[in-house]
C-alpha atoms as a PDB file:
ATOM      1  CA  MET A   1      67.607  69.663  89.780  1.00  0.00           C
ATOM      2  CA  GLU A   2      71.146  69.411  87.957  1.00  0.00           C
ATOM      3  CA  ILE A   3      70.252  73.380  87.799  1.00  0.00           C
ATOM      4  CA  VAL A   4      70.171  73.565  91.162  1.00  0.00           C
ATOM      5  CA  MET A   5      72.931  71.052  91.619  1.00  0.00           C
ATOM      6  CA  ASN A   6      75.534  72.715  89.806  1.00  0.00           C
ATOM      7  CA  LEU A   7      74.473  76.044  90.778  1.00  0.00           C
ATOM      8  CA  MET A   8      75.190  74.745  94.480  1.00  0.00           C
ATOM      9  CA  LEU A   9      78.722  73.380  93.465  1.00  0.00           C
ATOM     10  CA  MET A  10      79.131  77.957  91.768  1.00  0.00           C
ATOM     11  CA  LEU A  11      78.792  78.900  94.960  1.00  0.00           C
ATOM     12  CA  GLY A  12      80.893  76.470  96.812  1.00  0.00           C
ATOM     13  CA  GLY A  13      82.901  77.521  93.953  1.00  0.00           C
ATOM     14  CA  VAL A  14      82.878  81.060  94.681  1.00  0.00           C
ATOM     15  CA  ALA A  15      83.433  80.474  98.274  1.00  0.00           C
ATOM     16  CA  VAL A  16      87.146  78.755  98.096  1.00  0.00           C
ATOM     17  CA  PHE A  17      87.796  82.011  95.461  1.00  0.00           C
ATOM     18  CA  MET A  18      86.610  84.301  97.965  1.00  0.00           C
ATOM     19  CA  PHE A  19      88.549  82.584 100.679  1.00  0.00           C
ATOM     20  CA  GLY A  20      91.836  81.972  99.506  1.00  0.00           C
ATOM     21  CA  MET A  21      91.823  85.096  98.002  1.00  0.00           C
ATOM     22  CA  LYS A  22      91.547  86.132 101.898  1.00  0.00           C
ATOM     23  CA  GLN A  23      94.117  83.255 102.225  1.00  0.00           C
ATOM     24  CA  MET A  24      96.934  84.679 100.472  1.00  0.00           C
ATOM     25  CA  SER A  25      96.025  88.270 101.378  1.00  0.00           C
ATOM     26  CA  SER A  26      96.820  87.184 105.315  1.00  0.00           C
ATOM     27  CA  GLY A  27      99.117  85.144 104.064  1.00  0.00           C
ATOM     28  CA  LEU A  28     101.602  87.261 102.607  1.00  0.00           C
ATOM     29  CA  GLU A  29     100.312  90.233 105.505  1.00  0.00           C
ATOM     30  CA  ARG A  30     101.978  88.394 107.784  1.00  0.00           C
ATOM     31  CA  SER A  31     104.975  86.951 105.713  1.00  0.00           C
ATOM     32  CA  ALA A  32     105.826  90.664 104.123  1.00  0.00           C
ATOM     33  CA  GLY A  33     103.555  93.405 106.040  1.00  0.00           C
ATOM     34  CA  SER A  34     105.970  94.621 108.769  1.00  0.00           C
ATOM     35  CA  GLY A  35     108.861  95.183 105.874  1.00  0.00           C
ATOM     36  CA  ILE A  36     106.416  96.940 103.888  1.00  0.00           C
ATOM     37  CA  ARG A  37     105.320  99.023 106.393  1.00  0.00           C
ATOM     38  CA  ASN A  38     108.908  99.401 106.938  1.00  0.00           C
ATOM     39  CA  LEU A  39     109.440 100.639 103.841  1.00  0.00           C
ATOM     40  CA  PHE A  40     105.930 103.015 103.659  1.00  0.00           C
ATOM     41  CA  LYS A  41     107.832 104.640 106.897  1.00  0.00           C
ATOM     42  CA  LYS A  42     111.440 105.081 105.294  1.00  0.00           C
ATOM     43  CA  ILE A  43     110.058 106.909 101.766  1.00  0.00           C
ATOM     44  CA  ASN A  44     108.640 110.495 101.673  1.00  0.00           C
ATOM     45  CA  LYS A  45     109.431 110.853  97.681  1.00  0.00           C
ATOM     46  CA  ASN A  46     107.234 112.468  95.102  1.00  0.00           C
ATOM     47  CA  ARG A  47     104.007 111.636  93.456  1.00  0.00           C
ATOM     48  CA  VAL A  48     105.883 109.028  91.102  1.00  0.00           C
ATOM     49  CA  PHE A  49     107.495 107.257  93.977  1.00  0.00           C
ATOM     50  CA  ASN A  50     104.799 106.746  95.237  1.00  0.00           C
ATOM     51  CA  TYR A  51     102.442 105.599  92.605  1.00  0.00           C
ATOM     52  CA  GLY A  52     104.999 103.063  91.670  1.00  0.00           C
ATOM     53  CA  ILE A  53     105.158 102.252  94.850  1.00  0.00           C
ATOM     54  CA  GLY A  54     101.744 101.783  95.343  1.00  0.00           C
ATOM     55  CA  ILE A  55     101.831  99.507  91.571  1.00  0.00           C
ATOM     56  CA  GLY A  56     104.538  97.902  93.559  1.00  0.00           C
ATOM     57  CA  ALA A  57     103.132  96.505  96.963  1.00  0.00           C
ATOM     58  CA  THR A  58      99.095  95.289  95.179  1.00  0.00           C
ATOM     59  CA  ALA A  59     101.141  93.629  92.528  1.00  0.00           C
ATOM     60  CA  LEU A  60     102.553  92.203  95.176  1.00  0.00           C
ATOM     61  CA  VAL A  61     100.020  91.426  97.669  1.00  0.00           C
ATOM     62  CA  HIS A  62      97.327  90.677  95.060  1.00  0.00           C
ATOM     63  CA  SER A  63      94.816  92.977  96.565  1.00  0.00           C
ATOM     64  CA  SER A  64      93.790  97.072  96.352  1.00  0.00           C
ATOM     65  CA  SER A  65      91.590  96.684  99.301  1.00  0.00           C
ATOM     66  CA  ALA A  66      95.042  95.223 101.712  1.00  0.00           C
ATOM     67  CA  THR A  67      96.658  98.404 100.428  1.00  0.00           C
ATOM     68  CA  SER A  68      93.732 100.887 100.612  1.00  0.00           C
ATOM     69  CA  ILE A  69      93.448  99.374 104.384  1.00  0.00           C
ATOM     70  CA  MET A  70      97.334  99.028 105.128  1.00  0.00           C
ATOM     71  CA  THR A  71      97.944 103.202 103.674  1.00  0.00           C
ATOM     72  CA  VAL A  72      94.409 104.494 106.362  1.00  0.00           C
ATOM     73  CA  GLY A  73      96.345 102.007 109.292  1.00  0.00           C
ATOM     74  CA  LEU A  74      99.835 103.667 108.070  1.00  0.00           C
ATOM     75  CA  ALA A  75      97.801 107.559 107.891  1.00  0.00           C
ATOM     76  CA  HIS A  76      96.157 106.773 111.241  1.00  0.00           C
ATOM     77  CA  ALA A  77      99.054 106.383 112.762  1.00  0.00           C
ATOM     78  CA  ASN A  78     101.441 109.190 110.878  1.00  0.00           C
ATOM     79  CA  ILE A  79     103.585 106.955 109.493  1.00  0.00           C
ATOM     80  CA  VAL A  80     102.763 108.302 105.901  1.00  0.00           C
ATOM     81  CA  THR A  81     101.184 111.818 104.933  1.00  0.00           C
ATOM     82  CA  VAL A  82      97.961 111.881 103.023  1.00  0.00           C
ATOM     83  CA  LYS A  83      99.364 113.033 100.107  1.00  0.00           C
ATOM     84  CA  GLN A  84     101.914 110.032 100.314  1.00  0.00           C
ATOM     85  CA  GLY A  85      98.623 107.675 100.999  1.00  0.00           C
ATOM     86  CA  SER A  86      97.145 109.245  98.186  1.00  0.00           C
ATOM     87  CA  GLY A  87      99.426 108.775  95.557  1.00  0.00           C
ATOM     88  CA  PHE A  88      99.857 104.929  96.784  1.00  0.00           C
ATOM     89  CA  ILE A  89      95.681 104.350  96.809  1.00  0.00           C
ATOM     90  CA  LEU A  90      95.944 105.975  92.862  1.00  0.00           C
ATOM     91  CA  GLY A  91      98.630 102.740  91.985  1.00  0.00           C
ATOM     92  CA  ALA A  92      97.289 100.011  93.365  1.00  0.00           C
ATOM     93  CA  LYS A  93      94.358 100.605  91.363  1.00  0.00           C
ATOM     94  CA  VAL A  94      96.971  99.651  88.177  1.00  0.00           C
ATOM     95  CA  GLY A  95      98.679  96.669  90.258  1.00  0.00           C
ATOM     96  CA  THR A  96      95.646  94.764  91.463  1.00  0.00           C
ATOM     97  CA  THR A  97      95.271  94.399  87.538  1.00  0.00           C
ATOM     98  CA  LEU A  98      98.139  91.923  87.509  1.00  0.00           C
ATOM     99  CA  THR A  99      95.696  89.438  89.060  1.00  0.00           C
ATOM    100  CA  ALA A 100      92.791  89.206  86.460  1.00  0.00           C
ATOM    101  CA  PHE A 101      95.591  89.004  83.993  1.00  0.00           C
ATOM    102  CA  ILE A 102      96.604  85.794  85.829  1.00  0.00           C
ATOM    103  CA  PHE A 103      92.574  84.244  86.528  1.00  0.00           C
ATOM    104  CA  ALA A 104      92.537  85.428  82.653  1.00  0.00           C
ATOM    105  CA  LEU A 105      95.389  81.783  81.894  1.00  0.00           C
ATOM    106  CA  SER A 106      93.110  80.169  83.786  1.00  0.00           C
ATOM    107  CA  GLY A 107      91.250  79.734  80.741  1.00  0.00           C
ATOM    108  CA  ILE A 108      93.704  78.214  78.598  1.00  0.00           C
ATOM    109  CA  SER A 109      94.888  75.361  78.141  1.00  0.00           C
ATOM    110  CA  LYS A 110      96.859  73.446  75.348  1.00  0.00           C
ATOM    111  CA  GLY A 111      95.660  69.631  74.658  1.00  0.00           C
ATOM    112  CA  SER A 112      96.131  68.110  78.350  1.00  0.00           C
ATOM    113  CA  PHE A 113      97.689  70.296  79.388  1.00  0.00           C
ATOM    114  CA  ASN A 114      95.770  73.380  81.333  1.00  0.00           C
ATOM    115  CA  ILE A 115      97.618  76.157  83.408  1.00  0.00           C
ATOM    116  CA  SER A 116      94.596  76.334  86.466  1.00  0.00           C
ATOM    117  CA  SER A 117      95.537  72.856  87.581  1.00  0.00           C
ATOM    118  CA  VAL A 118      99.841  73.716  87.875  1.00  0.00           C
ATOM    119  CA  PHE A 119      98.127  77.207  89.657  1.00  0.00           C
ATOM    120  CA  ALA A 120      95.857  75.043  91.789  1.00  0.00           C
ATOM    121  CA  ALA A 121      98.955  72.603  93.061  1.00  0.00           C
ATOM    122  CA  VAL A 122     100.774  75.726  94.597  1.00  0.00           C
ATOM    123  CA  ALA A 123      97.844  74.693  97.002  1.00  0.00           C
ATOM    124  CA  PHE A 124      99.786  71.216  97.644  1.00  0.00           C
ATOM    125  CA  VAL A 125     102.776  72.710  98.508  1.00  0.00           C
ATOM    126  CA  GLY A 126     101.517  74.987 100.994  1.00  0.00           C
ATOM    127  CA  VAL A 127      99.886  72.048 102.420  1.00  0.00           C
ATOM    128  CA  LEU A 128     103.875  70.087 102.336  1.00  0.00           C
ATOM    129  CA  ILE A 129     104.925  73.307 104.481  1.00  0.00           C
ATOM    130  CA  ILE A 130     102.969  73.918 106.923  1.00  0.00           C
ATOM    131  CA  PHE A 131     103.190  69.505 108.007  1.00  0.00           C
ATOM    132  CA  SER A 132     106.411  68.907 107.786  1.00  0.00           C
ATOM    133  CA  THR A 133     108.681  72.233 108.560  1.00  0.00           C
ATOM    134  CA  SER A 134     108.651  73.873 111.562  1.00  0.00           C
ATOM    135  CA  ASN A 135     110.833  77.324 110.007  1.00  0.00           C
ATOM    136  CA  GLU A 136     109.068  80.326 110.638  1.00  0.00           C
ATOM    137  CA  THR A 137     109.626  81.871 107.378  1.00  0.00           C
ATOM    138  CA  LEU A 138     108.632  78.965 105.218  1.00  0.00           C
ATOM    139  CA  ASN A 139     105.282  79.012 107.750  1.00  0.00           C
ATOM    140  CA  ASN A 140     104.724  82.082 107.266  1.00  0.00           C
ATOM    141  CA  ILE A 141     104.811  81.600 103.441  1.00  0.00           C
ATOM    142  CA  ALA A 142     102.492  78.480 103.087  1.00  0.00           C
ATOM    143  CA  PRO A 143      99.496  80.970 103.864  1.00  0.00           C
ATOM    144  CA  PHE A 144     100.597  82.648 101.483  1.00  0.00           C
ATOM    145  CA  LEU A 145     100.916  79.609  98.754  1.00  0.00           C
ATOM    146  CA  ILE A 146      97.841  77.843  99.760  1.00  0.00           C
ATOM    147  CA  GLY A 147      95.634  80.837  99.150  1.00  0.00           C
ATOM    148  CA  PHE A 148      97.319  81.200  95.683  1.00  0.00           C
ATOM    149  CA  GLY A 149      96.191  77.982  94.652  1.00  0.00           C
ATOM    150  CA  MET A 150      92.781  78.122  96.201  1.00  0.00           C
ATOM    151  CA  LEU A 151      91.791  80.571  93.722  1.00  0.00           C
ATOM    152  CA  PHE A 152      92.384  78.594  91.045  1.00  0.00           C
ATOM    153  CA  ILE A 153      90.623  75.610  92.099  1.00  0.00           C
ATOM    154  CA  GLY A 154      87.433  78.055  93.146  1.00  0.00           C
ATOM    155  CA  LEU A 155      87.592  78.887  88.830  1.00  0.00           C
ATOM    156  CA  GLU A 156      88.222  75.738  88.404  1.00  0.00           C
ATOM    157  CA  VAL A 157      84.727  74.255  90.428  1.00  0.00           C
ATOM    158  CA  MET A 158      83.172  77.652  89.042  1.00  0.00           C
ATOM    159  CA  GLU A 159      83.825  76.797  84.839  1.00  0.00           C
ATOM    160  CA  THR A 160      83.031  72.706  85.931  1.00  0.00           C
ATOM    161  CA  ALA A 161      79.926  73.806  87.144  1.00  0.00           C
ATOM    162  CA  ILE A 162      78.546  76.479  84.844  1.00  0.00           C
ATOM    163  CA  GLY A 163      79.806  73.908  81.927  1.00  0.00           C
ATOM    164  CA  GLY A 164      80.174  74.749  78.612  1.00  0.00           C
ATOM    165  CA  ALA A 165      78.352  78.068  76.657  1.00  0.00           C
ATOM    166  CA  ASP A 166      76.207  75.013  75.270  1.00  0.00           C
ATOM    167  CA  SER A 167      75.795  73.813  79.436  1.00  0.00           C
ATOM    168  CA  THR A 168      72.339  73.701  80.859  1.00  0.00           C
ATOM    169  CA  LEU A 169      72.961  76.428  83.612  1.00  0.00           C
ATOM    170  CA  SER A 170      75.237  78.056  81.276  1.00  0.00           C
ATOM    171  CA  ILE A 171      71.940  78.989  79.052  1.00  0.00           C
ATOM    172  CA  GLU A 172      70.303  79.958  82.074  1.00  0.00           C
ATOM    173  CA  LEU A 173      72.683  82.345  83.639  1.00  0.00           C
ATOM    174  CA  SER A 174      73.471  83.618  80.216  1.00  0.00           C
ATOM    175  CA  LYS A 175      69.573  84.798  79.925  1.00  0.00           C
ATOM    176  CA  VAL A 176      69.954  87.109  82.685  1.00  0.00           C
ATOM    177  CA  PHE A 177      72.490  88.757  81.032  1.00  0.00           C
ATOM    178  CA  LYS A 178      70.177  88.588  77.805  1.00  0.00           C
ATOM    179  CA  PHE A 179      67.164  90.838  78.935  1.00  0.00           C
ATOM    180  CA  GLU A 180      66.983  94.208  77.358  1.00  0.00           C
ATOM    181  CA  ILE A 181      68.120  95.879  81.315  1.00  0.00           C
ATOM    182  CA  MET A 182      70.660  93.980  81.426  1.00  0.00           C
ATOM    183  CA  GLN A 183      71.922  96.111  78.813  1.00  0.00           C
ATOM    184  CA  ASN A 184      71.230  99.863  80.640  1.00  0.00           C
ATOM    185  CA  PRO A 185      75.339 100.566  81.211  1.00  0.00           C
ATOM    186  CA  ILE A 186      74.200 102.447  84.451  1.00  0.00           C
ATOM    187  CA  LEU A 187      71.881  99.373  86.391  1.00  0.00           C
ATOM    188  CA  LEU A 188      75.414  96.992  85.714  1.00  0.00           C
ATOM    189  CA  VAL A 189      78.063  99.496  87.367  1.00  0.00           C
ATOM    190  CA  ILE A 190      75.545  99.588  89.978  1.00  0.00           C
ATOM    191  CA  LEU A 191      75.570  95.978  90.188  1.00  0.00           C
ATOM    192  CA  GLY A 192      79.252  95.828  89.881  1.00  0.00           C
ATOM    193  CA  ILE A 193      79.344  98.269  93.096  1.00  0.00           C
ATOM    194  CA  LEU A 194      76.689  96.267  95.493  1.00  0.00           C
ATOM    195  CA  PHE A 195      78.371  92.767  94.014  1.00  0.00           C
ATOM    196  CA  THR A 196      82.151  93.992  94.990  1.00  0.00           C
ATOM    197  CA  ALA A 197      80.470  95.935  98.294  1.00  0.00           C
ATOM    198  CA  ILE A 198      79.384  92.459  99.282  1.00  0.00           C
ATOM    199  CA  ILE A 199      82.660  90.334  98.619  1.00  0.00           C
ATOM    200  CA  GLN A 200      84.298  92.542  99.414  1.00  0.00           C
ATOM    201  CA  SER A 201      87.612  92.690  96.418  1.00  0.00           C
ATOM    202  CA  SER A 202      87.123  94.336  93.436  1.00  0.00           C
ATOM    203  CA  THR A 203      89.958  91.026  92.200  1.00  0.00           C
ATOM    204  CA  ALA A 204      86.950  88.757  93.373  1.00  0.00           C
ATOM    205  CA  ALA A 205      84.767  90.410  91.661  1.00  0.00           C
ATOM    206  CA  THR A 206      86.980  90.313  88.790  1.00  0.00           C
ATOM    207  CA  GLY A 207      87.564  86.201  88.571  1.00  0.00           C
ATOM    208  CA  VAL A 208      83.869  85.875  88.597  1.00  0.00           C
ATOM    209  CA  PHE A 209      83.473  88.014  85.796  1.00  0.00           C
ATOM    210  CA  ILE A 210      86.314  86.483  84.599  1.00  0.00           C
ATOM    211  CA  ALA A 211      84.795  83.006  84.614  1.00  0.00           C
ATOM    212  CA  PHE A 212      80.980  83.740  83.573  1.00  0.00           C
ATOM    213  CA  LEU A 213      82.584  85.413  80.183  1.00  0.00           C
ATOM    214  CA  ALA A 214      85.368  82.034  80.061  1.00  0.00           C
ATOM    215  CA  THR A 215      82.358  80.212  80.433  1.00  0.00           C
ATOM    216  CA  GLY A 216      80.376  82.141  77.564  1.00  0.00           C
ATOM    217  CA  VAL A 217      77.416  83.149  80.586  1.00  0.00           C
ATOM    218  CA  ILE A 218      78.305  86.651  79.624  1.00  0.00           C
ATOM    219  CA  GLN A 219      78.924  86.557  76.100  1.00  0.00           C
ATOM    220  CA  ASN A 220      79.016  90.611  75.509  1.00  0.00           C
ATOM    221  CA  ILE A 221      81.834  91.884  76.547  1.00  0.00           C
ATOM    222  CA  ASP A 222      80.943  94.929  77.239  1.00  0.00           C
ATOM    223  CA  GLN A 223      78.876  94.371  80.078  1.00  0.00           C
ATOM    224  CA  SER A 224      81.289  92.848  81.965  1.00  0.00           C
ATOM    225  CA  PHE A 225      83.506  95.930  81.328  1.00  0.00           C
ATOM    226  CA  PHE A 226      81.137  97.891  82.524  1.00  0.00           C
ATOM    227  CA  LEU A 227      81.021  95.910  86.076  1.00  0.00           C
ATOM    228  CA  LEU A 228      84.029  95.904  86.545  1.00  0.00           C
ATOM    229  CA  MET A 229      83.848  99.909  86.886  1.00  0.00           C
ATOM    230  CA  GLY A 230      81.304  99.526  89.031  1.00  0.00           C
ATOM    231  CA  ALA A 231      83.610  97.427  90.796  1.00  0.00           C
ATOM    232  CA  ASN A 232      86.172  99.571  91.339  1.00  0.00           C
ATOM    233  CA  ILE A 233      84.065 101.632  92.869  1.00  0.00           C
ATOM    234  CA  GLY A 234      82.785  98.508  95.389  1.00  0.00           C
ATOM    235  CA  THR A 235      85.841  97.996  96.671  1.00  0.00           C
ATOM    236  CA  CYS A 236      86.581 101.873  97.776  1.00  0.00           C
ATOM    237  CA  SER A 237      83.810  99.407 101.110  1.00  0.00           C
ATOM    238  CA  ASP A 238      86.915  98.182 102.164  1.00  0.00           C
ATOM    239  CA  GLY A 239      88.546 101.705 103.262  1.00  0.00           C
ATOM    240  CA  ILE A 240      85.532 102.829 104.215  1.00  0.00           C
ATOM    241  CA  MET A 241      84.901 100.080 107.463  1.00  0.00           C
ATOM    242  CA  ALA A 242      88.181 100.775 108.138  1.00  0.00           C
ATOM    243  CA  SER A 243      88.167 104.476 108.173  1.00  0.00           C
ATOM    244  CA  LEU A 244      85.347 104.631 110.827  1.00  0.00           C
ATOM    245  CA  THR A 245      87.506 103.842 114.030  1.00  0.00           C
ATOM    246  CA  THR A 246      90.510 106.068 112.667  1.00  0.00           C
ATOM    247  CA  ASN A 247      92.143 109.763 112.837  1.00  0.00           C
ATOM    248  CA  ALA A 248      90.717 112.418 110.865  1.00  0.00           C
ATOM    249  CA  ASN A 249      94.312 111.856 108.025  1.00  0.00           C
ATOM    250  CA  GLY A 250      92.995 107.704 107.582  1.00  0.00           C
ATOM    251  CA  LYS A 251      89.604 109.046 106.891  1.00  0.00           C
ATOM    252  CA  ARG A 252      91.299 111.583 104.470  1.00  0.00           C
ATOM    253  CA  ILE A 253      93.094 108.708 102.660  1.00  0.00           C
ATOM    254  CA  ALA A 254      88.892 106.300 102.310  1.00  0.00           C
ATOM    255  CA  LEU A 255      87.048 109.825 101.080  1.00  0.00           C
ATOM    256  CA  PHE A 256      90.125 110.135  98.132  1.00  0.00           C
ATOM    257  CA  HIS A 257      89.922 106.524  97.364  1.00  0.00           C
ATOM    258  CA  VAL A 258      85.683 106.909  96.851  1.00  0.00           C
ATOM    259  CA  ILE A 259      86.006 110.537  95.080  1.00  0.00           C
ATOM    260  CA  THR A 260      88.568 109.033  92.485  1.00  0.00           C
ATOM    261  CA  SER A 261      87.235 105.645  91.817  1.00  0.00           C
ATOM    262  CA  VAL A 262      84.114 107.242  91.201  1.00  0.00           C
ATOM    263  CA  ILE A 263      85.384 110.208  89.308  1.00  0.00           C
ATOM    264  CA  GLY A 264      87.565 106.782  86.772  1.00  0.00           C
ATOM    265  CA  ALA A 265      84.385 105.151  86.373  1.00  0.00           C
ATOM    266  CA  VAL A 266      81.914 107.649  85.327  1.00  0.00           C
ATOM    267  CA  THR A 267      83.999 109.326  83.280  1.00  0.00           C
ATOM    268  CA  PHE A 268      84.682 106.357  81.222  1.00  0.00           C
ATOM    269  CA  THR A 269      81.184 105.223  81.888  1.00  0.00           C
ATOM    270  CA  ILE A 270      80.366 107.995  79.265  1.00  0.00           C
ATOM    271  CA  ILE A 271      83.031 107.249  77.036  1.00  0.00           C
ATOM    272  CA  LEU A 272      81.907 103.508  76.620  1.00  0.00           C
ATOM    273  CA  ILE A 273      78.744 104.834  76.052  1.00  0.00           C
ATOM    274  CA  LEU A 274      79.426 107.218  73.305  1.00  0.00           C
ATOM    275  CA  PHE A 275      81.653 104.762  72.222  1.00  0.00           C
ATOM    276  CA  ARG A 276      80.482 100.734  73.071  1.00  0.00           C
ATOM    277  CA  THR A 277      80.420 100.154  69.143  1.00  0.00           C
ATOM    278  CA  PRO A 278      84.030 100.957  68.098  1.00  0.00           C
ATOM    279  CA  ILE A 279      85.545  99.956  71.263  1.00  0.00           C
ATOM    280  CA  THR A 280      83.806  96.407  71.733  1.00  0.00           C
ATOM    281  CA  ASN A 281      85.547  95.449  67.930  1.00  0.00           C
ATOM    282  CA  MET A 282      88.203  96.477  69.382  1.00  0.00           C
ATOM    283  CA  PHE A 283      88.921  94.544  72.605  1.00  0.00           C
ATOM    284  CA  GLU A 284      86.835  91.358  70.359  1.00  0.00           C
ATOM    285  CA  SER A 285      89.521  91.525  67.274  1.00  0.00           C
ATOM    286  CA  LEU A 286      92.690  92.186  69.957  1.00  0.00           C
ATOM    287  CA  PHE A 287      91.444  88.345  72.003  1.00  0.00           C
ATOM    288  CA  PRO A 288      89.532  86.856  69.056  1.00  0.00           C
ATOM    289  CA  GLY A 289      87.613  84.107  71.180  1.00  0.00           C
ATOM    290  CA  LYS A 290      89.903  84.866  74.347  1.00  0.00           C
ATOM    291  CA  PRO A 291      87.050  87.274  76.124  1.00  0.00           C
ATOM    292  CA  GLN A 292      88.542  87.219  79.435  1.00  0.00           C
ATOM    293  CA  PHE A 293      91.888  88.922  77.972  1.00  0.00           C
ATOM    294  CA  SER A 294      89.642  91.800  76.646  1.00  0.00           C
ATOM    295  CA  LEU A 295      88.231  92.427  80.125  1.00  0.00           C
ATOM    296  CA  ALA A 296      91.966  92.276  82.039  1.00  0.00           C
ATOM    297  CA  THR A 297      93.349  94.548  78.798  1.00  0.00           C
ATOM    298  CA  PHE A 298      90.325  96.694  79.250  1.00  0.00           C
ATOM    299  CA  ASN A 299      91.278  96.246  83.361  1.00  0.00           C
ATOM    300  CA  LEU A 300      94.679  97.643  82.044  1.00  0.00           C
ATOM    301  CA  ILE A 301      94.378 100.887  79.872  1.00  0.00           C
ATOM    302  CA  TYR A 302      91.473 101.702  82.565  1.00  0.00           C
ATOM    303  CA  ASN A 303      92.823 101.657  85.961  1.00  0.00           C
ATOM    304  CA  SER A 304      96.279 103.142  84.566  1.00  0.00           C
ATOM    305  CA  ILE A 305      94.724 106.150  82.363  1.00  0.00           C
ATOM    306  CA  TYR A 306      92.445 107.491  84.969  1.00  0.00           C
ATOM    307  CA  THR A 307      94.699 107.405  87.690  1.00  0.00           C
ATOM    308  CA  LEU A 308      97.758 108.576  85.758  1.00  0.00           C
ATOM    309  CA  VAL A 309      95.725 111.360  84.958  1.00  0.00           C
ATOM    310  CA  LEU A 310      94.477 112.807  88.462  1.00  0.00           C
ATOM    311  CA  LEU A 311      97.729 112.424  89.862  1.00  0.00           C
ATOM    312  CA  ILE A 312      98.974 115.172  88.334  1.00  0.00           C
ATOM    313  CA  PHE A 313      96.132 116.526  89.708  1.00  0.00           C
ATOM    314  CA  MET A 314      96.607 115.161  93.090  1.00  0.00           C
ATOM    315  CA  ASP A 315      96.843 118.215  94.744  1.00  0.00           C
ATOM    316  CA  PRO A 316      93.839 119.850  94.515  1.00  0.00           C
ATOM    317  CA  LEU A 317      92.053 116.841  94.876  1.00  0.00           C
ATOM    318  CA  VAL A 318      94.388 116.497  98.480  1.00  0.00           C
ATOM    319  CA  ASP A 319      93.106 119.676  99.842  1.00  0.00           C
ATOM    320  CA  LEU A 320      89.348 118.892  98.912  1.00  0.00           C
ATOM    321  CA  VAL A 321      89.119 115.860 101.105  1.00  0.00           C
ATOM    322  CA  THR A 322      91.466 117.598 103.661  1.00  0.00           C
ATOM    323  CA  SER A 323      89.185 120.176 103.442  1.00  0.00           C
ATOM    324  CA  LEU A 324      85.806 117.900 103.314  1.00  0.00           C
ATOM    325  CA  VAL A 325      87.049 116.174 106.686  1.00  0.00           C
ATOM    326  CA  LYS A 326      88.007 118.442 109.997  1.00  0.00           C
ATOM    327  CA  ASP A 327      90.773 118.014 112.207  1.00  0.00           C
ATOM    328  CA  LYS A 328      89.208 116.440 115.313  1.00  0.00           C
ATOM    329  CA  LEU A 329      91.577 119.918 116.792  1.00  0.00           C
ATOM    330  CA  MET A 330      90.106 122.657 114.631  1.00  0.00           C
ATOM    331  CA  MET A 331      86.329 120.979 115.115  1.00  0.00           C
ATOM    332  CA  MET A 332      86.635 122.101 119.125  1.00  0.00           C
ATOM    333  CA  GLU A 333      87.877 125.364 118.542  1.00  0.00           C
ATOM    334  CA  VAL A 334      84.580 125.928 116.190  1.00  0.00           C
ATOM    335  CA  VAL A 335      81.894 124.325 118.580  1.00  0.00           C
ATOM    336  CA  ARG A 336      84.525 127.297 121.027  1.00  0.00           C
ATOM    337  CA  TYR A 337      84.180 129.730 118.924  1.00  0.00           C
ATOM    338  CA  SER A 338      79.966 129.126 118.222  1.00  0.00           C
ATOM    339  CA  ASP A 339      78.945 128.135 121.793  1.00  0.00           C
ATOM    340  CA  GLY A 340      81.260 131.950 122.467  1.00  0.00           C
ATOM    341  CA  ARG A 341      83.529 130.689 124.905  1.00  0.00           C
ATOM    342  CA  CYS A 342      86.844 130.324 123.602  1.00  0.00           C
ATOM    343  CA  LEU A 343      89.728 132.068 125.566  1.00  0.00           C
END
């Protein structure tokens, strides 16, 4: 019965965490979204500049999904070109890694001081703003503060429910990751894809993986690396769904997101399979006893390397998605010619 109750509490923590992520993203979109859109509208620089804008915007929003959805919408409205939006998408992959380091800090405490509790108190500041002032600017910022604080409340609830590495729930959950089949890299990548596609946020998925590492549920950090790479593909589901009702440019951005994420995940999965032991040993030696920082650092290195490489080959990739997703007008012309009814 104790395990069931702790499991229910852990699921409650996941729910608070996910709601906090949504609240934070929507709150920031409300307070800064129009400014970001106007910035994108005015910018028409080179790919490196667009890459940097993608990093900055995503670090601000704390969600690559929010940036990708926004970019799909901007491309649909012809505010940005496919090439410009593709630069934003690649940069967004790096920008979202900052949040993983913030989550990793939640497992760090010194004596009676716990930085996670400090972050959690930010939610109270947001609530105070809502109930104490009618200032429009502050009330637009308040949902972001509440959401940000809820992220760490959710993390704390998850870690409390799981307990330490020797708790009953932790031991039972860790048994799942000790099964021989859970050592299979391909299965772990697929699980990462499915889990992230369900909760629709790679940032939230990373937070859960970090909580599992911090509490000893996942004891082999290489398993979390494969899960993370799967999450990098799973997060494309948001952009895909957002593009379903857009024009060809919006769909091209979504397809570019999928293709580049798959290329990055497949390449690094192969590298990690071939050099699994030395890579794992390197990260364990860098952060002894702090596996959550190993995951956050791997997340940064992985996303930085593959996006920078793809940035060099962005032109042929943009040409590829442009050729794969035809304009509606062009499709109508093809149909006319094939039917022999062209004028």
